Structures are given as C-alpha cells and as structure tokens.
Amino acid sequence: MYFKKIVNIFKKSQSKSGIAMQQLSRERIAQHEAAHGIVWYLFKNSWTVNRLTIERNGLPDDTMNGALHITANFDVTKETNIERANELFAIALAGMIGQNMNLLLQRDNLLIELSSINFNQIFDKTGCGGDFEIAVKHLPYLGQEFKTNQGTFTQIKVMDLVTLFQDHKKVQTIHLELTRLLLEKGTLTKEELINFFEQQNFQEYIEDENLDINFYHQR
C-alpha cells in the first residue's frame, strides 16, 4: 500500500535521531512550507489540506519546525495508482525547492547545470529528511512504472519543480506572498489557505498555463 489513512505531514525537521543539524532561519522555513502549499494546490482535487504552519506548537514531533497537513481525498484502500504516488512525490520534494528559492532566482542556467550535475551538489537540503522519507517510500514504485532508475526519476522530477518555480513569475509572486503570510500568521487554516490561492487567481493561471508536474518528462 502506497498511501496511509493518517494525515500525511510534510515536515521541516530540525534534527534526526538526536544528531544536531544546521538550522534554517524562520524565513527559509516559511519558504519551504510555502512551496509545499503551492504544489499541493496543483493536486488539491486528490488531497485535502488541513493546515499549513511554521509553528512547532502542536506538531507530533518536537524536531519539526513546520508542516503541511494533508489527507487523501480518495479511498486509500482501493486507489493506489501512479498519479497519486507521483503527486505525493512532487509535493514532498517541493519544500527543498522553496527553501532554495534565492538560488533559483540567481542562476538562470540552473536547468542546464542540473542536466549534468546531481541536485545534491547544488541545493541546500538542511532539514529535508522527513520530506525525503516520504518521497523514498514511493520511489521504487515510480521508477518501476516509468522504467527508469530511481536516481534519474528523482533528478528529472527536481528539474520539473525547478521549471515550475523558475519559469513562472506568477508562481514566484505567489510563493513570495505566501511566505510573507506564513511569517505574519505562523499558521494558516484550510479556509485561509484556500482563500489565499483564490485571491491570487491561481486556479485560472493553472488552467491557462496548463501547469502540471505530475508526469515524468524526458528531457
């Protein structure tokens, strides 16, 4: 089974197994969580959001600095198809892209670099362990379905996410504004988050630009 009935939490972890790790600033934690929220919205018909937060109070793990809480909007005992796994994989990896947003904005040739250099050599992955754990659970299935090795699948999915955040000014603006809102409020409820995206007319933009990073693209 590739999905659980419990709430899926895309977390920003401060430490793991008692080993101290470099900490992100509150702003970069907000950038991380904002990116999770943006990519979730692309697939909101499959996943129901409960809240988005950069506050540690009330989180189930005291190493977490923030989280996107979502639940499956389908019967997880019957629907475990490739699209749902691919959506979760993209949502999980989006946090790393968000916290490296300044890098994306500064390096216009980043995609060219990624075509020959592994993303691990470029991106700051501080605190992304929880997100990677979620992604890794689905990686064998995704690699098998798309008939490629797991490293190649991950690399190209990262490139798809970079394209989303680097090529679309609208997405960059929404990411900036959502980051600011998280810094201001700390936690956004389901209603507040959906209202934010509606005020940004993001659904209309998604439809106009045919935004979708759910599928594997050969480059």
N, C-alpha and C. Protein backbone atom coordinates (compact mmCIF):
# COMPACT_ATOMS: atom_id res chain seq x y z
N MET A 1 0.85 -1.19 0.00
CA MET A 1 0.00 0.00 0.00
C MET A 1 0.89 1.24 0.00
N TYR A 2 0.58 2.17 -0.89
CA TYR A 2 1.43 3.35 -1.04
C TYR A 2 0.91 4.56 -0.26
N PHE A 3 -0.30 4.47 0.25
CA PHE A 3 -0.86 5.60 0.98
C PHE A 3 -1.38 5.14 2.33
N LYS A 4 -1.36 6.06 3.30
CA LYS A 4 -1.86 5.76 4.63
C LYS A 4 -3.11 6.58 4.91
N LYS A 5 -3.96 6.07 5.80
CA LYS A 5 -5.17 6.79 6.15
C LYS A 5 -4.87 7.97 7.06
N ILE A 6 -3.78 7.92 7.76
CA ILE A 6 -3.44 9.01 8.67
C ILE A 6 -3.05 10.25 7.88
N VAL A 7 -3.03 11.38 8.55
CA VAL A 7 -2.63 12.63 7.92
C VAL A 7 -1.18 12.52 7.45
N ASN A 8 -0.93 12.89 6.21
CA ASN A 8 0.43 12.96 5.70
C ASN A 8 1.01 14.31 6.07
N ILE A 9 2.17 14.34 6.71
CA ILE A 9 2.77 15.58 7.17
C ILE A 9 4.10 15.79 6.47
N PHE A 10 4.16 16.85 5.67
CA PHE A 10 5.40 17.19 5.00
C PHE A 10 6.12 18.15 5.92
N LYS A 11 7.19 17.67 6.56
CA LYS A 11 7.73 18.38 7.69
C LYS A 11 9.10 18.98 7.42
N LYS A 12 9.37 20.03 8.17
CA LYS A 12 10.69 20.66 8.19
C LYS A 12 11.33 20.26 9.51
N SER A 13 12.26 19.32 9.46
CA SER A 13 12.83 18.74 10.67
C SER A 13 14.12 19.43 11.07
N GLN A 14 14.24 19.76 12.35
CA GLN A 14 15.45 20.42 12.86
C GLN A 14 16.57 19.41 13.09
N SER A 15 16.22 18.22 13.57
CA SER A 15 17.24 17.22 13.85
C SER A 15 16.66 15.84 13.64
N LYS A 16 17.52 14.85 13.57
CA LYS A 16 17.07 13.48 13.35
C LYS A 16 17.94 12.54 14.18
N SER A 17 17.28 11.62 14.90
CA SER A 17 17.97 10.63 15.71
C SER A 17 18.93 11.26 16.72
N GLY A 18 18.56 12.45 17.20
CA GLY A 18 19.37 13.09 18.22
C GLY A 18 20.61 13.76 17.70
N ILE A 19 20.84 13.74 16.39
CA ILE A 19 22.03 14.35 15.81
C ILE A 19 21.72 15.79 15.45
N ALA A 20 22.47 16.73 16.00
CA ALA A 20 22.22 18.14 15.72
C ALA A 20 22.47 18.45 14.26
N MET A 21 21.61 19.25 13.67
CA MET A 21 21.75 19.63 12.27
C MET A 21 21.71 21.14 12.17
N GLN A 22 22.26 21.65 11.09
CA GLN A 22 22.18 23.07 10.83
C GLN A 22 20.71 23.49 10.77
N GLN A 23 20.39 24.63 11.34
CA GLN A 23 19.01 25.09 11.37
C GLN A 23 18.77 26.14 10.30
N LEU A 24 17.58 26.11 9.73
CA LEU A 24 17.17 27.14 8.79
C LEU A 24 16.59 28.31 9.55
N SER A 25 16.67 29.48 8.95
CA SER A 25 16.02 30.65 9.53
C SER A 25 14.51 30.48 9.41
N ARG A 26 13.77 31.28 10.17
CA ARG A 26 12.31 31.20 10.11
C ARG A 26 11.82 31.56 8.71
N GLU A 27 12.50 32.49 8.04
CA GLU A 27 12.10 32.86 6.69
C GLU A 27 12.25 31.70 5.72
N ARG A 28 13.34 30.97 5.84
CA ARG A 28 13.54 29.86 4.91
C ARG A 28 12.63 28.68 5.23
N ILE A 29 12.27 28.52 6.49
CA ILE A 29 11.26 27.52 6.84
C ILE A 29 9.94 27.88 6.17
N ALA A 30 9.59 29.17 6.21
CA ALA A 30 8.36 29.63 5.56
C ALA A 30 8.42 29.43 4.05
N GLN A 31 9.59 29.68 3.45
CA GLN A 31 9.75 29.45 2.01
C GLN A 31 9.56 27.97 1.68
N HIS A 32 10.08 27.13 2.54
CA HIS A 32 9.96 25.67 2.37
C HIS A 32 8.49 25.26 2.39
N GLU A 33 7.78 25.69 3.45
CA GLU A 33 6.38 25.28 3.60
C GLU A 33 5.49 25.91 2.52
N ALA A 34 5.80 27.14 2.11
CA ALA A 34 5.02 27.79 1.06
C ALA A 34 5.09 26.99 -0.24
N ALA A 35 6.25 26.46 -0.55
CA ALA A 35 6.40 25.66 -1.77
C ALA A 35 5.60 24.37 -1.68
N HIS A 36 5.59 23.73 -0.51
CA HIS A 36 4.72 22.57 -0.32
C HIS A 36 3.27 22.94 -0.64
N GLY A 37 2.85 24.10 -0.12
CA GLY A 37 1.47 24.52 -0.31
C GLY A 37 1.13 24.78 -1.77
N ILE A 38 2.05 25.38 -2.50
CA ILE A 38 1.81 25.69 -3.92
C ILE A 38 1.64 24.41 -4.73
N VAL A 39 2.54 23.45 -4.53
CA VAL A 39 2.45 22.22 -5.31
C VAL A 39 1.25 21.39 -4.87
N TRP A 40 0.91 21.42 -3.57
CA TRP A 40 -0.32 20.77 -3.14
C TRP A 40 -1.51 21.32 -3.93
N TYR A 41 -1.57 22.63 -4.13
CA TYR A 41 -2.72 23.24 -4.77
C TYR A 41 -2.91 22.73 -6.20
N LEU A 42 -1.84 22.35 -6.86
CA LEU A 42 -1.97 21.79 -8.20
C LEU A 42 -2.78 20.50 -8.17
N PHE A 43 -2.74 19.80 -7.04
CA PHE A 43 -3.37 18.49 -6.92
C PHE A 43 -4.44 18.47 -5.83
N LYS A 44 -5.06 19.62 -5.59
CA LYS A 44 -5.99 19.77 -4.48
C LYS A 44 -7.22 18.89 -4.61
N ASN A 45 -7.54 18.44 -5.83
CA ASN A 45 -8.69 17.56 -6.00
C ASN A 45 -8.43 16.16 -5.45
N SER A 46 -7.17 15.82 -5.28
CA SER A 46 -6.82 14.50 -4.75
C SER A 46 -6.49 14.53 -3.27
N TRP A 47 -6.02 15.69 -2.79
CA TRP A 47 -5.54 15.79 -1.41
C TRP A 47 -6.18 16.99 -0.72
N THR A 48 -6.82 16.74 0.41
CA THR A 48 -7.47 17.79 1.18
C THR A 48 -6.47 18.37 2.18
N VAL A 49 -6.35 19.70 2.19
CA VAL A 49 -5.44 20.34 3.12
C VAL A 49 -6.15 20.59 4.44
N ASN A 50 -5.41 20.47 5.53
CA ASN A 50 -5.96 20.75 6.86
C ASN A 50 -5.36 22.03 7.45
N ARG A 51 -4.07 22.21 7.28
CA ARG A 51 -3.44 23.46 7.68
C ARG A 51 -2.00 23.49 7.17
N LEU A 52 -1.45 24.70 7.16
CA LEU A 52 -0.05 24.92 6.79
C LEU A 52 0.55 25.77 7.89
N THR A 53 1.68 25.33 8.46
CA THR A 53 2.20 26.03 9.63
C THR A 53 3.72 26.07 9.64
N ILE A 54 4.25 27.11 10.26
CA ILE A 54 5.69 27.17 10.57
C ILE A 54 5.88 27.26 12.08
N GLU A 55 4.83 26.91 12.82
CA GLU A 55 4.89 26.90 14.27
C GLU A 55 5.11 25.47 14.76
N ARG A 56 5.91 25.32 15.80
CA ARG A 56 6.22 23.99 16.30
C ARG A 56 5.19 23.49 17.30
N ASN A 57 4.46 24.42 17.93
CA ASN A 57 3.47 24.01 18.92
C ASN A 57 2.39 23.16 18.27
N GLY A 58 2.11 22.02 18.88
CA GLY A 58 1.04 21.17 18.40
C GLY A 58 1.46 20.17 17.35
N LEU A 59 2.72 20.19 16.93
CA LEU A 59 3.19 19.21 15.95
C LEU A 59 3.52 17.90 16.66
N PRO A 60 3.33 16.78 16.01
CA PRO A 60 3.51 15.47 16.68
C PRO A 60 4.96 15.11 16.97
N ASP A 61 5.90 15.82 16.36
CA ASP A 61 7.33 15.53 16.53
C ASP A 61 8.03 16.82 16.95
N ASP A 62 8.74 16.78 18.08
CA ASP A 62 9.35 18.02 18.57
C ASP A 62 10.57 18.46 17.77
N THR A 63 10.97 17.67 16.76
CA THR A 63 12.06 18.10 15.88
C THR A 63 11.54 18.87 14.68
N MET A 64 10.21 18.97 14.54
CA MET A 64 9.62 19.62 13.38
C MET A 64 9.49 21.12 13.60
N ASN A 65 9.80 21.88 12.57
CA ASN A 65 9.66 23.33 12.63
C ASN A 65 8.45 23.84 11.87
N GLY A 66 7.77 22.98 11.15
CA GLY A 66 6.61 23.39 10.37
C GLY A 66 6.05 22.20 9.62
N ALA A 67 4.87 22.37 9.01
CA ALA A 67 4.28 21.23 8.32
C ALA A 67 3.14 21.65 7.41
N LEU A 68 2.97 20.89 6.34
CA LEU A 68 1.76 20.91 5.52
C LEU A 68 1.00 19.64 5.89
N HIS A 69 -0.22 19.80 6.39
CA HIS A 69 -1.06 18.66 6.77
C HIS A 69 -2.07 18.42 5.66
N ILE A 70 -2.00 17.24 5.05
CA ILE A 70 -2.99 16.89 4.03
C ILE A 70 -3.50 15.48 4.28
N THR A 71 -4.71 15.21 3.80
CA THR A 71 -5.27 13.87 3.85
C THR A 71 -5.75 13.49 2.46
N ALA A 72 -5.76 12.19 2.21
CA ALA A 72 -6.18 11.70 0.90
C ALA A 72 -7.67 11.94 0.69
N ASN A 73 -8.01 12.45 -0.48
CA ASN A 73 -9.41 12.69 -0.83
C ASN A 73 -9.92 11.56 -1.73
N PHE A 74 -9.54 10.33 -1.37
CA PHE A 74 -9.94 9.15 -2.13
C PHE A 74 -9.80 7.95 -1.21
N ASP A 75 -10.30 6.82 -1.62
CA ASP A 75 -10.24 5.61 -0.82
C ASP A 75 -8.84 5.01 -0.94
N VAL A 76 -8.03 5.17 0.10
CA VAL A 76 -6.64 4.72 0.04
C VAL A 76 -6.52 3.21 -0.03
N THR A 77 -7.59 2.48 0.31
CA THR A 77 -7.53 1.02 0.26
C THR A 77 -7.76 0.50 -1.16
N LYS A 78 -8.26 1.40 -2.04
CA LYS A 78 -8.58 0.96 -3.40
C LYS A 78 -7.80 1.70 -4.47
N GLU A 79 -7.46 2.95 -4.23
CA GLU A 79 -6.80 3.75 -5.25
C GLU A 79 -5.35 4.01 -4.86
N THR A 80 -4.44 3.28 -5.49
CA THR A 80 -3.01 3.46 -5.23
C THR A 80 -2.28 3.59 -6.55
N ASN A 81 -2.83 4.42 -7.45
CA ASN A 81 -2.28 4.46 -8.80
C ASN A 81 -1.07 5.37 -8.90
N ILE A 82 -0.47 5.36 -10.07
CA ILE A 82 0.77 6.06 -10.32
C ILE A 82 0.62 7.58 -10.15
N GLU A 83 -0.53 8.12 -10.54
CA GLU A 83 -0.72 9.57 -10.42
C GLU A 83 -0.68 10.03 -8.98
N ARG A 84 -1.34 9.30 -8.10
CA ARG A 84 -1.37 9.71 -6.69
C ARG A 84 0.04 9.62 -6.08
N ALA A 85 0.77 8.56 -6.40
CA ALA A 85 2.13 8.44 -5.88
C ALA A 85 3.01 9.56 -6.41
N ASN A 86 2.84 9.90 -7.69
CA ASN A 86 3.64 10.95 -8.31
C ASN A 86 3.32 12.32 -7.71
N GLU A 87 2.06 12.53 -7.37
CA GLU A 87 1.66 13.79 -6.73
C GLU A 87 2.33 13.94 -5.37
N LEU A 88 2.28 12.89 -4.55
CA LEU A 88 2.92 12.94 -3.24
C LEU A 88 4.41 13.17 -3.36
N PHE A 89 5.02 12.52 -4.34
CA PHE A 89 6.46 12.66 -4.56
C PHE A 89 6.80 14.11 -4.87
N ALA A 90 6.01 14.75 -5.74
CA ALA A 90 6.25 16.15 -6.11
C ALA A 90 6.01 17.09 -4.93
N ILE A 91 4.94 16.88 -4.19
CA ILE A 91 4.65 17.73 -3.03
C ILE A 91 5.79 17.64 -2.01
N ALA A 92 6.29 16.43 -1.79
CA ALA A 92 7.36 16.23 -0.81
C ALA A 92 8.63 16.95 -1.21
N LEU A 93 9.03 16.84 -2.48
CA LEU A 93 10.28 17.46 -2.94
C LEU A 93 10.18 18.97 -3.07
N ALA A 94 8.96 19.50 -3.14
CA ALA A 94 8.79 20.94 -3.34
C ALA A 94 9.39 21.77 -2.23
N GLY A 95 9.39 21.26 -1.01
CA GLY A 95 9.95 22.03 0.11
C GLY A 95 11.40 22.40 -0.11
N MET A 96 12.18 21.45 -0.63
CA MET A 96 13.59 21.72 -0.90
C MET A 96 13.73 22.84 -1.92
N ILE A 97 12.87 22.84 -2.94
CA ILE A 97 12.91 23.89 -3.96
C ILE A 97 12.60 25.24 -3.32
N GLY A 98 11.58 25.27 -2.45
CA GLY A 98 11.18 26.52 -1.83
C GLY A 98 12.26 27.15 -0.99
N GLN A 99 12.97 26.35 -0.20
CA GLN A 99 13.99 26.92 0.68
C GLN A 99 15.26 27.31 -0.09
N ASN A 100 15.33 26.90 -1.37
CA ASN A 100 16.44 27.30 -2.25
C ASN A 100 15.98 28.31 -3.30
N MET A 101 14.91 29.03 -3.00
CA MET A 101 14.33 29.93 -3.99
C MET A 101 15.31 31.01 -4.42
N ASN A 102 16.10 31.54 -3.51
CA ASN A 102 17.07 32.57 -3.89
C ASN A 102 18.06 32.05 -4.92
N LEU A 103 18.43 30.78 -4.78
CA LEU A 103 19.33 30.16 -5.75
C LEU A 103 18.69 30.09 -7.12
N LEU A 104 17.41 29.71 -7.17
CA LEU A 104 16.69 29.63 -8.44
C LEU A 104 16.63 30.98 -9.13
N LEU A 105 16.43 32.03 -8.34
CA LEU A 105 16.30 33.36 -8.92
C LEU A 105 17.63 33.93 -9.40
N GLN A 106 18.72 33.42 -8.86
CA GLN A 106 20.04 33.96 -9.18
C GLN A 106 20.74 33.21 -10.32
N ARG A 107 20.34 31.95 -10.55
CA ARG A 107 21.05 31.12 -11.52
C ARG A 107 20.13 30.76 -12.68
N ASP A 108 20.16 31.59 -13.71
CA ASP A 108 19.29 31.40 -14.87
C ASP A 108 19.56 30.09 -15.60
N ASN A 109 20.78 29.59 -15.50
CA ASN A 109 21.16 28.37 -16.22
C ASN A 109 21.10 27.14 -15.32
N LEU A 110 20.30 27.20 -14.28
CA LEU A 110 20.25 26.11 -13.31
C LEU A 110 19.82 24.79 -13.96
N LEU A 111 18.86 24.84 -14.86
CA LEU A 111 18.41 23.61 -15.51
C LEU A 111 19.53 22.97 -16.33
N ILE A 112 20.32 23.80 -16.97
CA ILE A 112 21.46 23.28 -17.74
C ILE A 112 22.45 22.61 -16.79
N GLU A 113 22.69 23.24 -15.65
CA GLU A 113 23.58 22.65 -14.65
C GLU A 113 23.04 21.30 -14.18
N LEU A 114 21.73 21.25 -13.93
CA LEU A 114 21.12 20.03 -13.41
C LEU A 114 21.13 18.89 -14.44
N SER A 115 21.28 19.22 -15.70
CA SER A 115 21.33 18.18 -16.72
C SER A 115 22.62 17.38 -16.66
N SER A 116 23.62 17.91 -15.95
CA SER A 116 24.91 17.22 -15.86
C SER A 116 25.42 17.05 -14.43
N ILE A 117 24.79 17.75 -13.47
CA ILE A 117 25.22 17.68 -12.07
C ILE A 117 24.02 17.27 -11.21
N ASN A 118 24.23 16.34 -10.29
CA ASN A 118 23.16 15.89 -9.41
C ASN A 118 22.70 17.04 -8.51
N PHE A 119 21.41 17.12 -8.26
CA PHE A 119 20.87 18.21 -7.45
C PHE A 119 21.46 18.24 -6.05
N ASN A 120 21.95 17.10 -5.54
CA ASN A 120 22.57 17.06 -4.22
C ASN A 120 23.80 17.95 -4.13
N GLN A 121 24.42 18.22 -5.27
CA GLN A 121 25.62 19.04 -5.29
C GLN A 121 25.29 20.54 -5.37
N ILE A 122 24.02 20.87 -5.55
CA ILE A 122 23.63 22.27 -5.76
C ILE A 122 22.75 22.80 -4.64
N PHE A 123 21.77 22.02 -4.23
CA PHE A 123 20.76 22.51 -3.30
C PHE A 123 21.14 22.30 -1.83
N ASP A 124 20.73 23.26 -0.99
CA ASP A 124 20.81 23.09 0.45
C ASP A 124 19.62 22.23 0.87
N LYS A 125 19.90 21.09 1.47
CA LYS A 125 18.85 20.14 1.84
C LYS A 125 18.66 20.10 3.36
N THR A 126 19.15 21.12 4.06
CA THR A 126 19.04 21.17 5.51
C THR A 126 17.59 20.92 5.97
N GLY A 127 17.41 19.92 6.81
CA GLY A 127 16.10 19.67 7.39
C GLY A 127 15.09 19.01 6.49
N CYS A 128 15.50 18.53 5.32
CA CYS A 128 14.55 17.92 4.37
C CYS A 128 14.39 16.42 4.58
N GLY A 129 14.98 15.89 5.65
CA GLY A 129 14.95 14.45 5.86
C GLY A 129 13.55 13.85 5.89
N GLY A 130 12.63 14.51 6.55
CA GLY A 130 11.26 13.99 6.62
C GLY A 130 10.59 13.95 5.26
N ASP A 131 10.83 14.99 4.46
CA ASP A 131 10.27 15.02 3.10
C ASP A 131 10.85 13.91 2.25
N PHE A 132 12.16 13.70 2.37
CA PHE A 132 12.81 12.66 1.58
C PHE A 132 12.31 11.27 1.99
N GLU A 133 12.02 11.09 3.27
CA GLU A 133 11.49 9.80 3.73
C GLU A 133 10.16 9.50 3.04
N ILE A 134 9.31 10.51 2.91
CA ILE A 134 8.03 10.34 2.23
C ILE A 134 8.26 10.00 0.77
N ALA A 135 9.16 10.74 0.12
CA ALA A 135 9.43 10.52 -1.30
C ALA A 135 10.00 9.13 -1.55
N VAL A 136 10.92 8.71 -0.71
CA VAL A 136 11.59 7.42 -0.90
C VAL A 136 10.61 6.26 -0.82
N LYS A 137 9.57 6.39 -0.03
CA LYS A 137 8.57 5.32 0.08
C LYS A 137 7.93 5.01 -1.27
N HIS A 138 7.81 6.01 -2.12
CA HIS A 138 7.15 5.83 -3.40
C HIS A 138 8.11 5.66 -4.56
N LEU A 139 9.39 5.90 -4.32
CA LEU A 139 10.36 5.92 -5.40
C LEU A 139 10.52 4.59 -6.13
N PRO A 140 10.60 3.44 -5.43
CA PRO A 140 10.72 2.18 -6.17
C PRO A 140 9.56 1.94 -7.13
N TYR A 141 8.37 2.23 -6.66
CA TYR A 141 7.16 2.07 -7.47
C TYR A 141 7.20 3.00 -8.68
N LEU A 142 7.58 4.25 -8.47
CA LEU A 142 7.62 5.23 -9.56
C LEU A 142 8.70 4.87 -10.58
N GLY A 143 9.87 4.50 -10.10
CA GLY A 143 10.93 4.12 -11.02
C GLY A 143 10.54 2.93 -11.87
N GLN A 144 9.90 1.96 -11.25
CA GLN A 144 9.48 0.77 -11.98
C GLN A 144 8.43 1.11 -13.03
N GLU A 145 7.44 1.92 -12.64
CA GLU A 145 6.35 2.26 -13.56
C GLU A 145 6.86 3.06 -14.76
N PHE A 146 7.84 3.95 -14.52
CA PHE A 146 8.35 4.78 -15.60
C PHE A 146 9.59 4.18 -16.27
N LYS A 147 9.92 2.94 -15.82
CA LYS A 147 11.00 2.17 -16.46
C LYS A 147 12.32 2.95 -16.50
N THR A 148 12.68 3.49 -15.35
CA THR A 148 13.95 4.21 -15.23
C THR A 148 14.51 3.96 -13.84
N ASN A 149 15.80 4.25 -13.64
CA ASN A 149 16.34 4.06 -12.31
C ASN A 149 15.87 5.18 -11.39
N GLN A 150 15.93 4.92 -10.11
CA GLN A 150 15.35 5.84 -9.14
C GLN A 150 16.06 7.18 -9.11
N GLY A 151 17.38 7.17 -9.31
CA GLY A 151 18.13 8.42 -9.31
C GLY A 151 17.73 9.32 -10.47
N THR A 152 17.56 8.73 -11.65
CA THR A 152 17.17 9.52 -12.82
C THR A 152 15.77 10.08 -12.64
N PHE A 153 14.85 9.27 -12.12
CA PHE A 153 13.49 9.76 -11.90
C PHE A 153 13.50 10.95 -10.95
N THR A 154 14.23 10.85 -9.85
CA THR A 154 14.29 11.93 -8.87
C THR A 154 14.89 13.18 -9.47
N GLN A 155 15.98 13.03 -10.21
CA GLN A 155 16.65 14.18 -10.82
C GLN A 155 15.71 14.93 -11.76
N ILE A 156 14.97 14.21 -12.58
CA ILE A 156 14.09 14.87 -13.55
C ILE A 156 12.87 15.46 -12.86
N LYS A 157 12.40 14.84 -11.78
CA LYS A 157 11.30 15.45 -11.03
C LYS A 157 11.75 16.75 -10.39
N VAL A 158 12.98 16.79 -9.88
CA VAL A 158 13.53 18.03 -9.35
C VAL A 158 13.60 19.09 -10.45
N MET A 159 14.00 18.69 -11.65
CA MET A 159 14.08 19.63 -12.77
C MET A 159 12.69 20.16 -13.14
N ASP A 160 11.68 19.30 -13.07
CA ASP A 160 10.31 19.76 -13.33
C ASP A 160 9.88 20.79 -12.30
N LEU A 161 10.22 20.57 -11.04
CA LEU A 161 9.88 21.52 -9.99
C LEU A 161 10.63 22.84 -10.17
N VAL A 162 11.90 22.75 -10.53
CA VAL A 162 12.67 23.96 -10.79
C VAL A 162 12.02 24.76 -11.92
N THR A 163 11.59 24.08 -12.97
CA THR A 163 10.92 24.75 -14.09
C THR A 163 9.67 25.48 -13.62
N LEU A 164 8.88 24.83 -12.76
CA LEU A 164 7.65 25.44 -12.26
C LEU A 164 7.95 26.74 -11.52
N PHE A 165 8.95 26.72 -10.64
CA PHE A 165 9.23 27.88 -9.79
C PHE A 165 10.14 28.90 -10.47
N GLN A 166 10.88 28.49 -11.46
CA GLN A 166 11.82 29.41 -12.09
C GLN A 166 11.23 30.10 -13.33
N ASP A 167 10.36 29.42 -14.04
CA ASP A 167 9.86 29.95 -15.32
C ASP A 167 8.56 30.73 -15.22
N HIS A 168 7.89 30.66 -14.09
CA HIS A 168 6.58 31.30 -13.96
C HIS A 168 6.62 32.41 -12.92
N LYS A 169 6.57 33.65 -13.39
CA LYS A 169 6.58 34.81 -12.49
C LYS A 169 5.40 34.78 -11.54
N LYS A 170 4.27 34.28 -12.01
CA LYS A 170 3.09 34.18 -11.16
C LYS A 170 3.36 33.26 -9.97
N VAL A 171 3.99 32.14 -10.24
CA VAL A 171 4.32 31.20 -9.16
C VAL A 171 5.31 31.83 -8.19
N GLN A 172 6.27 32.56 -8.70
CA GLN A 172 7.24 33.24 -7.84
C GLN A 172 6.56 34.27 -6.95
N THR A 173 5.61 35.01 -7.52
CA THR A 173 4.88 36.01 -6.73
C THR A 173 4.05 35.36 -5.64
N ILE A 174 3.36 34.28 -6.01
CA ILE A 174 2.55 33.57 -5.02
C ILE A 174 3.42 32.99 -3.92
N HIS A 175 4.56 32.46 -4.29
CA HIS A 175 5.48 31.91 -3.29
C HIS A 175 5.95 33.00 -2.33
N LEU A 176 6.28 34.16 -2.86
CA LEU A 176 6.73 35.27 -2.03
C LEU A 176 5.62 35.72 -1.09
N GLU A 177 4.41 35.88 -1.60
CA GLU A 177 3.30 36.35 -0.78
C GLU A 177 2.87 35.32 0.26
N LEU A 178 2.91 34.04 -0.10
CA LEU A 178 2.54 33.01 0.86
C LEU A 178 3.60 32.90 1.95
N THR A 179 4.86 33.07 1.59
CA THR A 179 5.94 33.10 2.58
C THR A 179 5.71 34.24 3.57
N ARG A 180 5.39 35.41 3.05
CA ARG A 180 5.13 36.56 3.92
C ARG A 180 3.94 36.31 4.83
N LEU A 181 2.89 35.70 4.30
CA LEU A 181 1.70 35.43 5.11
C LEU A 181 2.01 34.44 6.23
N LEU A 182 2.80 33.43 5.92
CA LEU A 182 3.19 32.46 6.95
C LEU A 182 4.04 33.12 8.04
N LEU A 183 4.94 34.00 7.64
CA LEU A 183 5.76 34.71 8.61
C LEU A 183 4.90 35.61 9.51
N GLU A 184 3.85 36.15 8.94
CA GLU A 184 2.96 37.05 9.69
C GLU A 184 2.05 36.28 10.63
N LYS A 185 1.44 35.19 10.15
CA LYS A 185 0.42 34.50 10.91
C LYS A 185 0.92 33.23 11.61
N GLY A 186 1.98 32.63 11.10
CA GLY A 186 2.50 31.42 11.70
C GLY A 186 1.81 30.17 11.22
N THR A 187 0.48 30.18 11.26
CA THR A 187 -0.32 29.03 10.84
C THR A 187 -1.49 29.51 9.98
N LEU A 188 -1.76 28.79 8.91
CA LEU A 188 -2.90 29.07 8.05
C LEU A 188 -3.86 27.88 8.11
N THR A 189 -5.12 28.15 8.37
CA THR A 189 -6.12 27.10 8.36
C THR A 189 -6.46 26.72 6.93
N LYS A 190 -7.22 25.68 6.77
CA LYS A 190 -7.67 25.24 5.45
C LYS A 190 -8.36 26.38 4.73
N GLU A 191 -9.28 27.06 5.42
CA GLU A 191 -10.04 28.14 4.80
C GLU A 191 -9.14 29.31 4.41
N GLU A 192 -8.20 29.66 5.27
CA GLU A 192 -7.30 30.77 4.99
C GLU A 192 -6.39 30.46 3.79
N LEU A 193 -5.92 29.23 3.71
CA LEU A 193 -5.02 28.86 2.62
C LEU A 193 -5.76 28.85 1.28
N ILE A 194 -6.93 28.26 1.27
CA ILE A 194 -7.71 28.22 0.03
C ILE A 194 -8.10 29.63 -0.39
N ASN A 195 -8.49 30.45 0.57
CA ASN A 195 -8.85 31.84 0.27
C ASN A 195 -7.67 32.60 -0.32
N PHE A 196 -6.47 32.34 0.20
CA PHE A 196 -5.26 32.99 -0.34
C PHE A 196 -5.09 32.66 -1.81
N PHE A 197 -5.17 31.39 -2.16
CA PHE A 197 -4.99 31.00 -3.56
C PHE A 197 -6.09 31.55 -4.46
N GLU A 198 -7.30 31.62 -3.93
CA GLU A 198 -8.40 32.17 -4.72
C GLU A 198 -8.19 33.66 -4.98
N GLN A 199 -7.70 34.38 -3.99
CA GLN A 199 -7.42 35.81 -4.17
C GLN A 199 -6.31 36.02 -5.19
N GLN A 200 -5.41 35.08 -5.30
CA GLN A 200 -4.31 35.16 -6.27
C GLN A 200 -4.73 34.68 -7.66
N ASN A 201 -5.99 34.21 -7.79
CA ASN A 201 -6.49 33.67 -9.06
C ASN A 201 -5.57 32.56 -9.60
N PHE A 202 -5.09 31.74 -8.68
CA PHE A 202 -4.12 30.74 -9.08
C PHE A 202 -4.74 29.63 -9.93
N GLN A 203 -5.98 29.27 -9.65
CA GLN A 203 -6.62 28.22 -10.45
C GLN A 203 -6.74 28.63 -11.91
N GLU A 204 -7.09 29.88 -12.14
CA GLU A 204 -7.18 30.37 -13.51
C GLU A 204 -5.83 30.31 -14.21
N TYR A 205 -4.78 30.65 -13.46
CA TYR A 205 -3.43 30.60 -14.04
C TYR A 205 -3.03 29.17 -14.34
N ILE A 206 -3.35 28.26 -13.45
CA ILE A 206 -3.04 26.84 -13.67
C ILE A 206 -3.68 26.35 -14.95
N GLU A 207 -4.94 26.72 -15.16
CA GLU A 207 -5.65 26.29 -16.35
C GLU A 207 -5.11 26.96 -17.60
N ASP A 208 -4.82 28.25 -17.53
CA ASP A 208 -4.31 28.97 -18.70
C ASP A 208 -2.95 28.44 -19.13
N GLU A 209 -2.10 28.13 -18.16
CA GLU A 209 -0.73 27.68 -18.45
C GLU A 209 -0.60 26.16 -18.49
N ASN A 210 -1.69 25.48 -18.20
CA ASN A 210 -1.68 24.01 -18.19
C ASN A 210 -0.57 23.48 -17.26
N LEU A 211 -0.51 24.04 -16.06
CA LEU A 211 0.53 23.65 -15.12
C LEU A 211 0.25 22.25 -14.58
N ASP A 212 1.24 21.40 -14.66
CA ASP A 212 1.12 20.05 -14.13
C ASP A 212 2.50 19.42 -14.11
N ILE A 213 3.00 19.11 -12.92
CA ILE A 213 4.29 18.44 -12.82
C ILE A 213 4.08 17.00 -12.36
N ASN A 214 2.91 16.46 -12.65
CA ASN A 214 2.57 15.12 -12.19
C ASN A 214 3.20 14.03 -13.04
N PHE A 215 3.65 14.34 -14.23
CA PHE A 215 4.13 13.30 -15.12
C PHE A 215 5.61 13.45 -15.44
N TYR A 216 6.19 12.35 -15.71
CA TYR A 216 7.62 12.27 -16.00
C TYR A 216 7.89 12.80 -17.40
N HIS A 217 8.79 13.76 -17.52
CA HIS A 217 9.09 14.36 -18.82
C HIS A 217 10.51 14.02 -19.23
N GLN A 218 10.66 13.40 -20.38
CA GLN A 218 12.00 13.16 -20.91
C GLN A 218 12.59 14.49 -21.38
N ARG A 219 13.84 14.73 -21.07
CA ARG A 219 14.50 15.97 -21.48
C ARG A 219 15.67 15.64 -22.40
